Amino acid sequence: MSWSLRGREEHAVRYALLPLRLFLGITFVYAGIDKLTDPGFLAAGGQDSLGALMGSVRDTAAFPGLVDLALKSPVGFGYAIAFGEIAVGLGTLLGLLARLAAVGGALISLSLWLTVSWATTPYYYGNDLAYLMVWLPLIIAGAPLLSVDAVWSRGRRGRARRGPSFS
C-alpha cells in the first residue's frame, strides 16, 4: 500500500505544473488575441485605447517612465504586448523554450503590476502581482513533461549516451 501511495504522489508531482501551464498559456494567448481584435485598444486615442489607459495610470504608477515609454507609441506598444502575450502563451502551452516563455510572462506581469495595477488597494486585489508570482514555478522548473523541451532533452540525452558519431 505504501508503494502505491508513493507512486501516486510521484505521479502527481510529475504532472503538478500542467494545470498551471494550461491556465497561463490559454490566458496569455487569449489576452493577446483579444488585444489584436479590439480596434479600440489598438487605436491611437479614444476611451478604450491603450493610450487612454496609460494616461490614466501615469501619475499612480511605480515607474512613470515605463508609462511614458508606452505613451510615445501606444499603438506600437499595444502590438508588442499583444504579440508578446501570444508568444509567451504558445511557448507555455507547447513547452517550447518554456523557461524563456515564463520569464517573458513574468516580465509582462511585472510591467503591468508596476504601471496599471500599482495603485490597486489593497495590493492583493490587483491580479498582475498574482500572475507574476504564478510564473515563478515555471521559471524554476520549466516544462519537463509533455513538452517540446522534454522531447529535445530526451534527444540530447540519447545522443550523449551513444557518444560522438564520426561517420
N, C-alpha and C. Protein backbone atom coordinates (compact mmCIF):
# COMPACT_ATOMS: atom_id res chain seq x y z
N MET A 1 0.83 -1.20 0.00
CA MET A 1 0.00 0.00 0.00
C MET A 1 0.86 1.26 0.00
N SER A 2 1.92 1.27 0.80
CA SER A 2 2.75 2.47 0.85
C SER A 2 3.42 2.74 -0.49
N TRP A 3 3.83 1.64 -1.22
CA TRP A 3 4.42 1.86 -2.53
C TRP A 3 3.41 2.47 -3.48
N SER A 4 2.17 2.01 -3.41
CA SER A 4 1.12 2.53 -4.27
C SER A 4 0.87 4.01 -3.99
N LEU A 5 0.81 4.36 -2.72
CA LEU A 5 0.60 5.76 -2.35
C LEU A 5 1.80 6.59 -2.81
N ARG A 6 2.98 6.08 -2.60
CA ARG A 6 4.19 6.80 -3.01
C ARG A 6 4.21 6.97 -4.53
N GLY A 7 3.84 5.93 -5.24
CA GLY A 7 3.79 6.01 -6.70
C GLY A 7 2.80 7.05 -7.17
N ARG A 8 1.64 7.11 -6.52
CA ARG A 8 0.65 8.13 -6.89
C ARG A 8 1.16 9.53 -6.59
N GLU A 9 1.83 9.69 -5.47
CA GLU A 9 2.38 11.01 -5.12
C GLU A 9 3.43 11.44 -6.13
N GLU A 10 4.30 10.52 -6.52
CA GLU A 10 5.32 10.85 -7.51
C GLU A 10 4.68 11.19 -8.85
N HIS A 11 3.64 10.46 -9.21
CA HIS A 11 2.91 10.73 -10.44
C HIS A 11 2.27 12.13 -10.37
N ALA A 12 1.66 12.46 -9.24
CA ALA A 12 1.03 13.77 -9.07
C ALA A 12 2.06 14.89 -9.16
N VAL A 13 3.21 14.70 -8.56
CA VAL A 13 4.27 15.71 -8.60
C VAL A 13 4.73 15.93 -10.04
N ARG A 14 4.86 14.85 -10.81
CA ARG A 14 5.31 14.98 -12.20
C ARG A 14 4.35 15.83 -13.03
N TYR A 15 3.06 15.73 -12.73
CA TYR A 15 2.05 16.43 -13.51
C TYR A 15 1.56 17.73 -12.86
N ALA A 16 2.14 18.13 -11.76
CA ALA A 16 1.63 19.27 -10.99
C ALA A 16 1.65 20.59 -11.75
N LEU A 17 2.61 20.79 -12.64
CA LEU A 17 2.71 22.07 -13.35
C LEU A 17 1.82 22.14 -14.59
N LEU A 18 1.27 21.02 -15.03
CA LEU A 18 0.45 21.04 -16.24
C LEU A 18 -0.77 21.95 -16.14
N PRO A 19 -1.54 21.91 -15.04
CA PRO A 19 -2.68 22.84 -14.97
C PRO A 19 -2.24 24.30 -15.01
N LEU A 20 -1.12 24.59 -14.39
CA LEU A 20 -0.59 25.95 -14.40
C LEU A 20 -0.19 26.35 -15.83
N ARG A 21 0.48 25.46 -16.54
CA ARG A 21 0.85 25.75 -17.93
C ARG A 21 -0.38 25.97 -18.79
N LEU A 22 -1.38 25.13 -18.62
CA LEU A 22 -2.61 25.28 -19.42
C LEU A 22 -3.29 26.61 -19.12
N PHE A 23 -3.44 26.92 -17.85
CA PHE A 23 -4.11 28.17 -17.47
C PHE A 23 -3.36 29.38 -18.01
N LEU A 24 -2.07 29.46 -17.74
CA LEU A 24 -1.30 30.62 -18.18
C LEU A 24 -1.19 30.68 -19.70
N GLY A 25 -0.96 29.55 -20.33
CA GLY A 25 -0.84 29.53 -21.78
C GLY A 25 -2.12 29.99 -22.47
N ILE A 26 -3.24 29.41 -22.07
CA ILE A 26 -4.52 29.78 -22.67
C ILE A 26 -4.85 31.24 -22.37
N THR A 27 -4.62 31.66 -21.14
CA THR A 27 -4.94 33.03 -20.74
C THR A 27 -4.11 34.04 -21.54
N PHE A 28 -2.83 33.79 -21.70
CA PHE A 28 -1.98 34.75 -22.41
C PHE A 28 -2.26 34.76 -23.91
N VAL A 29 -2.51 33.60 -24.51
CA VAL A 29 -2.89 33.58 -25.92
C VAL A 29 -4.20 34.35 -26.11
N TYR A 30 -5.16 34.07 -25.25
CA TYR A 30 -6.46 34.76 -25.33
C TYR A 30 -6.29 36.27 -25.16
N ALA A 31 -5.48 36.69 -24.17
CA ALA A 31 -5.28 38.12 -23.93
C ALA A 31 -4.65 38.80 -25.14
N GLY A 32 -3.68 38.13 -25.76
CA GLY A 32 -3.04 38.72 -26.94
C GLY A 32 -4.00 38.82 -28.12
N ILE A 33 -4.76 37.77 -28.37
CA ILE A 33 -5.74 37.80 -29.46
C ILE A 33 -6.82 38.83 -29.19
N ASP A 34 -7.24 38.92 -27.94
CA ASP A 34 -8.26 39.90 -27.56
C ASP A 34 -7.78 41.32 -27.86
N LYS A 35 -6.52 41.60 -27.57
CA LYS A 35 -5.97 42.93 -27.86
C LYS A 35 -5.91 43.19 -29.37
N LEU A 36 -5.47 42.19 -30.12
CA LEU A 36 -5.34 42.35 -31.57
C LEU A 36 -6.68 42.52 -32.27
N THR A 37 -7.73 41.98 -31.71
CA THR A 37 -9.05 42.06 -32.35
C THR A 37 -9.91 43.19 -31.79
N ASP A 38 -9.37 43.95 -30.86
CA ASP A 38 -10.11 45.08 -30.28
C ASP A 38 -9.61 46.37 -30.92
N PRO A 39 -10.36 46.90 -31.90
CA PRO A 39 -9.88 48.11 -32.59
C PRO A 39 -9.74 49.30 -31.65
N GLY A 40 -10.53 49.35 -30.61
CA GLY A 40 -10.42 50.45 -29.65
C GLY A 40 -9.11 50.41 -28.89
N PHE A 41 -8.66 49.22 -28.51
CA PHE A 41 -7.43 49.07 -27.75
C PHE A 41 -6.23 49.52 -28.55
N LEU A 42 -6.19 49.17 -29.83
CA LEU A 42 -5.05 49.48 -30.67
C LEU A 42 -5.15 50.84 -31.37
N ALA A 43 -6.17 51.62 -31.05
CA ALA A 43 -6.31 52.95 -31.63
C ALA A 43 -5.30 53.90 -30.99
N ALA A 44 -4.95 54.94 -31.70
CA ALA A 44 -4.00 55.93 -31.18
C ALA A 44 -4.58 56.69 -30.00
N GLY A 45 -5.87 56.81 -29.94
CA GLY A 45 -6.52 57.51 -28.83
C GLY A 45 -7.96 57.05 -28.71
N GLY A 46 -8.63 57.56 -27.73
CA GLY A 46 -10.02 57.19 -27.51
C GLY A 46 -10.21 56.52 -26.17
N GLN A 47 -11.44 56.41 -25.76
CA GLN A 47 -11.78 55.94 -24.42
C GLN A 47 -11.22 54.55 -24.10
N ASP A 48 -11.28 53.61 -25.03
CA ASP A 48 -10.85 52.24 -24.76
C ASP A 48 -9.42 51.95 -25.22
N SER A 49 -8.68 52.97 -25.61
CA SER A 49 -7.34 52.75 -26.16
C SER A 49 -6.31 52.51 -25.06
N LEU A 50 -5.22 51.87 -25.46
CA LEU A 50 -4.11 51.67 -24.54
C LEU A 50 -3.53 53.01 -24.11
N GLY A 51 -3.51 53.97 -25.03
CA GLY A 51 -3.01 55.31 -24.69
C GLY A 51 -3.83 55.95 -23.58
N ALA A 52 -5.15 55.83 -23.65
CA ALA A 52 -6.00 56.38 -22.59
C ALA A 52 -5.76 55.67 -21.27
N LEU A 53 -5.61 54.34 -21.32
CA LEU A 53 -5.33 53.58 -20.10
C LEU A 53 -4.01 54.02 -19.48
N MET A 54 -2.96 54.12 -20.31
CA MET A 54 -1.65 54.52 -19.80
C MET A 54 -1.68 55.94 -19.25
N GLY A 55 -2.40 56.83 -19.93
CA GLY A 55 -2.53 58.20 -19.43
C GLY A 55 -3.22 58.25 -18.08
N SER A 56 -4.18 57.36 -17.87
CA SER A 56 -4.94 57.37 -16.61
C SER A 56 -4.15 56.81 -15.44
N VAL A 57 -3.14 56.00 -15.70
CA VAL A 57 -2.37 55.41 -14.60
C VAL A 57 -0.99 56.05 -14.43
N ARG A 58 -0.64 57.00 -15.28
CA ARG A 58 0.71 57.55 -15.26
C ARG A 58 1.10 58.11 -13.90
N ASP A 59 0.23 58.86 -13.27
CA ASP A 59 0.59 59.52 -12.01
C ASP A 59 0.57 58.59 -10.80
N THR A 60 0.01 57.40 -10.94
CA THR A 60 -0.03 56.46 -9.82
C THR A 60 0.90 55.27 -10.02
N ALA A 61 1.57 55.19 -11.16
CA ALA A 61 2.45 54.06 -11.46
C ALA A 61 3.71 54.13 -10.60
N ALA A 62 4.25 52.96 -10.28
CA ALA A 62 5.51 52.90 -9.53
C ALA A 62 6.65 53.44 -10.38
N PHE A 63 6.60 53.21 -11.69
CA PHE A 63 7.62 53.70 -12.62
C PHE A 63 6.94 54.47 -13.75
N PRO A 64 6.67 55.76 -13.53
CA PRO A 64 6.03 56.55 -14.59
C PRO A 64 6.83 56.55 -15.89
N GLY A 65 8.14 56.31 -15.82
CA GLY A 65 8.95 56.25 -17.03
C GLY A 65 8.52 55.12 -17.96
N LEU A 66 8.09 54.01 -17.39
CA LEU A 66 7.57 52.91 -18.22
C LEU A 66 6.31 53.35 -18.95
N VAL A 67 5.46 54.08 -18.25
CA VAL A 67 4.23 54.58 -18.86
C VAL A 67 4.58 55.58 -19.96
N ASP A 68 5.52 56.47 -19.67
CA ASP A 68 5.93 57.45 -20.68
C ASP A 68 6.46 56.76 -21.94
N LEU A 69 7.21 55.68 -21.75
CA LEU A 69 7.72 54.92 -22.88
C LEU A 69 6.57 54.37 -23.72
N ALA A 70 5.57 53.81 -23.07
CA ALA A 70 4.40 53.29 -23.79
C ALA A 70 3.63 54.41 -24.48
N LEU A 71 3.58 55.57 -23.85
CA LEU A 71 2.83 56.69 -24.42
C LEU A 71 3.50 57.30 -25.65
N LYS A 72 4.80 57.03 -25.86
CA LYS A 72 5.48 57.53 -27.05
C LYS A 72 4.90 56.91 -28.31
N SER A 73 4.48 55.66 -28.21
CA SER A 73 3.85 54.97 -29.34
C SER A 73 2.86 53.94 -28.80
N PRO A 74 1.69 54.39 -28.36
CA PRO A 74 0.75 53.44 -27.75
C PRO A 74 0.31 52.32 -28.70
N VAL A 75 0.18 52.62 -29.98
CA VAL A 75 -0.23 51.58 -30.93
C VAL A 75 0.88 50.53 -31.06
N GLY A 76 2.10 50.98 -31.24
CA GLY A 76 3.23 50.05 -31.33
C GLY A 76 3.41 49.25 -30.06
N PHE A 77 3.26 49.91 -28.93
CA PHE A 77 3.38 49.23 -27.64
C PHE A 77 2.25 48.20 -27.49
N GLY A 78 1.05 48.55 -27.93
CA GLY A 78 -0.08 47.63 -27.87
C GLY A 78 0.18 46.38 -28.69
N TYR A 79 0.70 46.56 -29.90
CA TYR A 79 1.04 45.40 -30.74
C TYR A 79 2.14 44.57 -30.08
N ALA A 80 3.15 45.22 -29.51
CA ALA A 80 4.24 44.49 -28.85
C ALA A 80 3.72 43.65 -27.69
N ILE A 81 2.85 44.25 -26.88
CA ILE A 81 2.28 43.49 -25.75
C ILE A 81 1.44 42.33 -26.28
N ALA A 82 0.60 42.57 -27.26
CA ALA A 82 -0.28 41.52 -27.79
C ALA A 82 0.53 40.36 -28.37
N PHE A 83 1.50 40.67 -29.22
CA PHE A 83 2.30 39.59 -29.81
C PHE A 83 3.18 38.92 -28.76
N GLY A 84 3.65 39.69 -27.77
CA GLY A 84 4.41 39.10 -26.66
C GLY A 84 3.55 38.13 -25.87
N GLU A 85 2.31 38.50 -25.58
CA GLU A 85 1.42 37.61 -24.84
C GLU A 85 1.15 36.33 -25.63
N ILE A 86 0.95 36.45 -26.93
CA ILE A 86 0.70 35.25 -27.75
C ILE A 86 1.94 34.36 -27.77
N ALA A 87 3.11 34.94 -27.94
CA ALA A 87 4.35 34.15 -27.95
C ALA A 87 4.57 33.45 -26.61
N VAL A 88 4.37 34.17 -25.54
CA VAL A 88 4.52 33.59 -24.20
C VAL A 88 3.50 32.47 -23.99
N GLY A 89 2.26 32.73 -24.39
CA GLY A 89 1.21 31.72 -24.21
C GLY A 89 1.48 30.46 -25.01
N LEU A 90 1.87 30.60 -26.28
CA LEU A 90 2.15 29.43 -27.10
C LEU A 90 3.38 28.68 -26.59
N GLY A 91 4.42 29.41 -26.21
CA GLY A 91 5.61 28.77 -25.64
C GLY A 91 5.28 27.98 -24.38
N THR A 92 4.39 28.53 -23.56
CA THR A 92 4.00 27.86 -22.33
C THR A 92 3.14 26.63 -22.62
N LEU A 93 2.18 26.77 -23.51
CA LEU A 93 1.32 25.63 -23.85
C LEU A 93 2.11 24.48 -24.47
N LEU A 94 3.01 24.81 -25.38
CA LEU A 94 3.77 23.78 -26.08
C LEU A 94 4.99 23.30 -25.28
N GLY A 95 5.35 24.05 -24.25
CA GLY A 95 6.58 23.73 -23.54
C GLY A 95 7.78 23.96 -24.43
N LEU A 96 7.70 25.00 -25.25
CA LEU A 96 8.75 25.35 -26.20
C LEU A 96 9.55 26.50 -25.61
N LEU A 97 10.81 26.23 -25.25
CA LEU A 97 11.62 27.22 -24.54
C LEU A 97 10.81 27.74 -23.35
N ALA A 98 10.30 26.80 -22.57
CA ALA A 98 9.32 27.10 -21.52
C ALA A 98 9.84 28.07 -20.47
N ARG A 99 11.09 27.91 -20.06
CA ARG A 99 11.62 28.85 -19.06
C ARG A 99 11.71 30.26 -19.62
N LEU A 100 12.13 30.38 -20.86
CA LEU A 100 12.21 31.69 -21.51
C LEU A 100 10.80 32.29 -21.65
N ALA A 101 9.84 31.47 -22.03
CA ALA A 101 8.45 31.93 -22.13
C ALA A 101 7.95 32.40 -20.76
N ALA A 102 8.29 31.66 -19.71
CA ALA A 102 7.86 32.03 -18.36
C ALA A 102 8.52 33.34 -17.91
N VAL A 103 9.77 33.54 -18.27
CA VAL A 103 10.43 34.82 -17.96
C VAL A 103 9.71 35.94 -18.70
N GLY A 104 9.37 35.72 -19.96
CA GLY A 104 8.61 36.72 -20.71
C GLY A 104 7.28 37.02 -20.06
N GLY A 105 6.56 35.98 -19.64
CA GLY A 105 5.29 36.19 -18.95
C GLY A 105 5.46 36.94 -17.65
N ALA A 106 6.50 36.61 -16.91
CA ALA A 106 6.77 37.30 -15.65
C ALA A 106 7.10 38.77 -15.90
N LEU A 107 7.86 39.06 -16.95
CA LEU A 107 8.21 40.45 -17.26
C LEU A 107 6.98 41.25 -17.69
N ILE A 108 6.10 40.63 -18.48
CA ILE A 108 4.86 41.31 -18.84
C ILE A 108 4.04 41.58 -17.60
N SER A 109 3.90 40.58 -16.73
CA SER A 109 3.13 40.76 -15.50
C SER A 109 3.76 41.81 -14.59
N LEU A 110 5.08 41.80 -14.48
CA LEU A 110 5.78 42.79 -13.66
C LEU A 110 5.54 44.19 -14.20
N SER A 111 5.65 44.36 -15.51
CA SER A 111 5.46 45.70 -16.07
C SER A 111 4.02 46.18 -15.87
N LEU A 112 3.06 45.28 -15.99
CA LEU A 112 1.66 45.67 -15.74
C LEU A 112 1.43 45.98 -14.27
N TRP A 113 2.07 45.21 -13.38
CA TRP A 113 1.91 45.48 -11.95
C TRP A 113 2.51 46.84 -11.58
N LEU A 114 3.67 47.16 -12.12
CA LEU A 114 4.34 48.41 -11.77
C LEU A 114 3.69 49.63 -12.42
N THR A 115 2.80 49.40 -13.35
CA THR A 115 2.15 50.52 -14.03
C THR A 115 0.64 50.51 -13.80
N VAL A 116 -0.06 49.58 -14.41
CA VAL A 116 -1.52 49.59 -14.41
C VAL A 116 -2.10 49.27 -13.03
N SER A 117 -1.60 48.26 -12.35
CA SER A 117 -2.24 47.86 -11.10
C SER A 117 -1.50 48.29 -9.84
N TRP A 118 -0.49 49.12 -9.98
CA TRP A 118 0.30 49.54 -8.82
C TRP A 118 -0.56 50.20 -7.74
N ALA A 119 -1.49 51.02 -8.12
CA ALA A 119 -2.28 51.78 -7.15
C ALA A 119 -3.47 51.00 -6.59
N THR A 120 -3.65 49.76 -7.01
CA THR A 120 -4.76 48.96 -6.50
C THR A 120 -4.59 48.75 -5.00
N THR A 121 -5.65 49.04 -4.27
CA THR A 121 -5.62 48.91 -2.81
C THR A 121 -6.80 48.08 -2.35
N PRO A 122 -6.57 47.11 -1.50
CA PRO A 122 -5.28 46.55 -1.08
C PRO A 122 -4.59 45.85 -2.25
N TYR A 123 -3.30 45.69 -2.13
CA TYR A 123 -2.49 45.20 -3.24
C TYR A 123 -2.97 43.85 -3.78
N TYR A 124 -3.55 43.02 -2.93
CA TYR A 124 -3.95 41.69 -3.37
C TYR A 124 -5.20 41.69 -4.26
N TYR A 125 -5.81 42.84 -4.46
CA TYR A 125 -6.91 42.94 -5.43
C TYR A 125 -6.40 43.03 -6.86
N GLY A 126 -5.16 43.45 -7.01
CA GLY A 126 -4.57 43.55 -8.35
C GLY A 126 -4.08 42.20 -8.81
N ASN A 127 -4.50 41.76 -9.97
CA ASN A 127 -4.14 40.41 -10.41
C ASN A 127 -2.74 40.31 -11.02
N ASP A 128 -2.14 41.41 -11.41
CA ASP A 128 -0.84 41.33 -12.07
C ASP A 128 0.26 40.83 -11.15
N LEU A 129 0.20 41.18 -9.87
CA LEU A 129 1.17 40.66 -8.91
C LEU A 129 0.98 39.15 -8.75
N ALA A 130 -0.26 38.69 -8.70
CA ALA A 130 -0.51 37.25 -8.59
C ALA A 130 0.02 36.52 -9.83
N TYR A 131 -0.21 37.08 -11.02
CA TYR A 131 0.33 36.46 -12.24
C TYR A 131 1.86 36.39 -12.18
N LEU A 132 2.48 37.45 -11.71
CA LEU A 132 3.94 37.46 -11.59
C LEU A 132 4.40 36.29 -10.71
N MET A 133 3.76 36.09 -9.59
CA MET A 133 4.14 35.00 -8.67
C MET A 133 3.86 33.63 -9.28
N VAL A 134 2.79 33.52 -10.07
CA VAL A 134 2.43 32.23 -10.66
C VAL A 134 3.42 31.82 -11.75
N TRP A 135 4.10 32.77 -12.36
CA TRP A 135 5.10 32.43 -13.37
C TRP A 135 6.35 31.82 -12.74
N LEU A 136 6.62 32.11 -11.48
CA LEU A 136 7.88 31.67 -10.86
C LEU A 136 8.11 30.16 -10.87
N PRO A 137 7.11 29.32 -10.56
CA PRO A 137 7.37 27.87 -10.64
C PRO A 137 7.77 27.40 -12.03
N LEU A 138 7.22 28.04 -13.06
CA LEU A 138 7.58 27.65 -14.43
C LEU A 138 8.97 28.16 -14.81
N ILE A 139 9.38 29.28 -14.24
CA ILE A 139 10.75 29.75 -14.46
C ILE A 139 11.72 28.76 -13.82
N ILE A 140 11.39 28.30 -12.62
CA ILE A 140 12.27 27.39 -11.88
C ILE A 140 12.30 26.00 -12.52
N ALA A 141 11.13 25.45 -12.84
CA ALA A 141 11.05 24.06 -13.27
C ALA A 141 10.98 23.87 -14.78
N GLY A 142 10.59 24.89 -15.51
CA GLY A 142 10.40 24.72 -16.94
C GLY A 142 9.20 23.84 -17.24
N ALA A 143 9.28 23.10 -18.31
CA ALA A 143 8.20 22.19 -18.71
C ALA A 143 8.80 20.81 -18.95
N PRO A 144 9.05 20.07 -17.86
CA PRO A 144 9.75 18.80 -18.01
C PRO A 144 8.89 17.65 -18.55
N LEU A 145 7.61 17.89 -18.76
CA LEU A 145 6.71 16.82 -19.15
C LEU A 145 5.75 17.30 -20.22
N LEU A 146 5.47 16.45 -21.19
CA LEU A 146 4.53 16.77 -22.27
C LEU A 146 4.88 18.12 -22.91
N SER A 147 6.11 18.22 -23.38
CA SER A 147 6.57 19.49 -23.93
C SER A 147 7.61 19.26 -25.02
N VAL A 148 7.77 20.25 -25.86
CA VAL A 148 8.83 20.22 -26.87
C VAL A 148 10.19 20.19 -26.17
N ASP A 149 10.33 20.94 -25.09
CA ASP A 149 11.60 20.94 -24.34
C ASP A 149 11.96 19.54 -23.85
N ALA A 150 10.97 18.79 -23.37
CA ALA A 150 11.23 17.43 -22.88
C ALA A 150 11.67 16.52 -24.03
N VAL A 151 11.05 16.66 -25.18
CA VAL A 151 11.44 15.86 -26.35
C VAL A 151 12.88 16.19 -26.74
N TRP A 152 13.20 17.47 -26.79
CA TRP A 152 14.57 17.88 -27.13
C TRP A 152 15.57 17.34 -26.10
N SER A 153 15.20 17.39 -24.84
CA SER A 153 16.08 16.93 -23.77
C SER A 153 16.33 15.42 -23.89
N ARG A 154 15.28 14.65 -24.16
CA ARG A 154 15.46 13.20 -24.35
C ARG A 154 16.36 12.92 -25.54
N GLY A 155 16.21 13.68 -26.60
CA GLY A 155 17.07 13.50 -27.78
C GLY A 155 18.52 13.79 -27.46
N ARG A 156 18.77 14.85 -26.71
CA ARG A 156 20.16 15.19 -26.34
C ARG A 156 20.76 14.12 -25.44
N ARG A 157 19.96 13.61 -24.48
CA ARG A 157 20.46 12.56 -23.58
C ARG A 157 20.77 11.29 -24.36
N GLY A 158 19.90 10.96 -25.32
CA GLY A 158 20.13 9.76 -26.14
C GLY A 158 21.40 9.87 -26.95
N ARG A 159 21.63 11.03 -27.55
CA ARG A 159 22.85 11.24 -28.33
C ARG A 159 24.07 11.22 -27.44
N ALA A 160 23.96 11.75 -26.22
CA ALA A 160 25.10 11.77 -25.30
C ALA A 160 25.46 10.36 -24.86
N ARG A 161 24.47 9.48 -24.66
CA ARG A 161 24.73 8.10 -24.26
C ARG A 161 25.40 7.32 -25.39
N ARG A 162 25.02 7.59 -26.62
CA ARG A 162 25.60 6.87 -27.76
C ARG A 162 27.02 7.33 -28.06
N GLY A 163 27.35 8.52 -27.62
CA GLY A 163 28.69 9.03 -27.88
C GLY A 163 28.76 9.74 -29.22
N PRO A 164 29.90 10.31 -29.52
CA PRO A 164 30.05 11.07 -30.77
C PRO A 164 30.01 10.13 -31.98
N SER A 165 29.45 10.66 -33.04
CA SER A 165 29.38 9.90 -34.29
C SER A 165 30.34 10.52 -35.29
N PHE A 166 31.24 9.69 -35.85
CA PHE A 166 32.22 10.18 -36.79
C PHE A 166 31.98 9.63 -38.19
N SER A 167 30.79 9.18 -38.47
CA SER A 167 30.51 8.60 -39.79
C SER A 167 30.16 9.62 -40.81
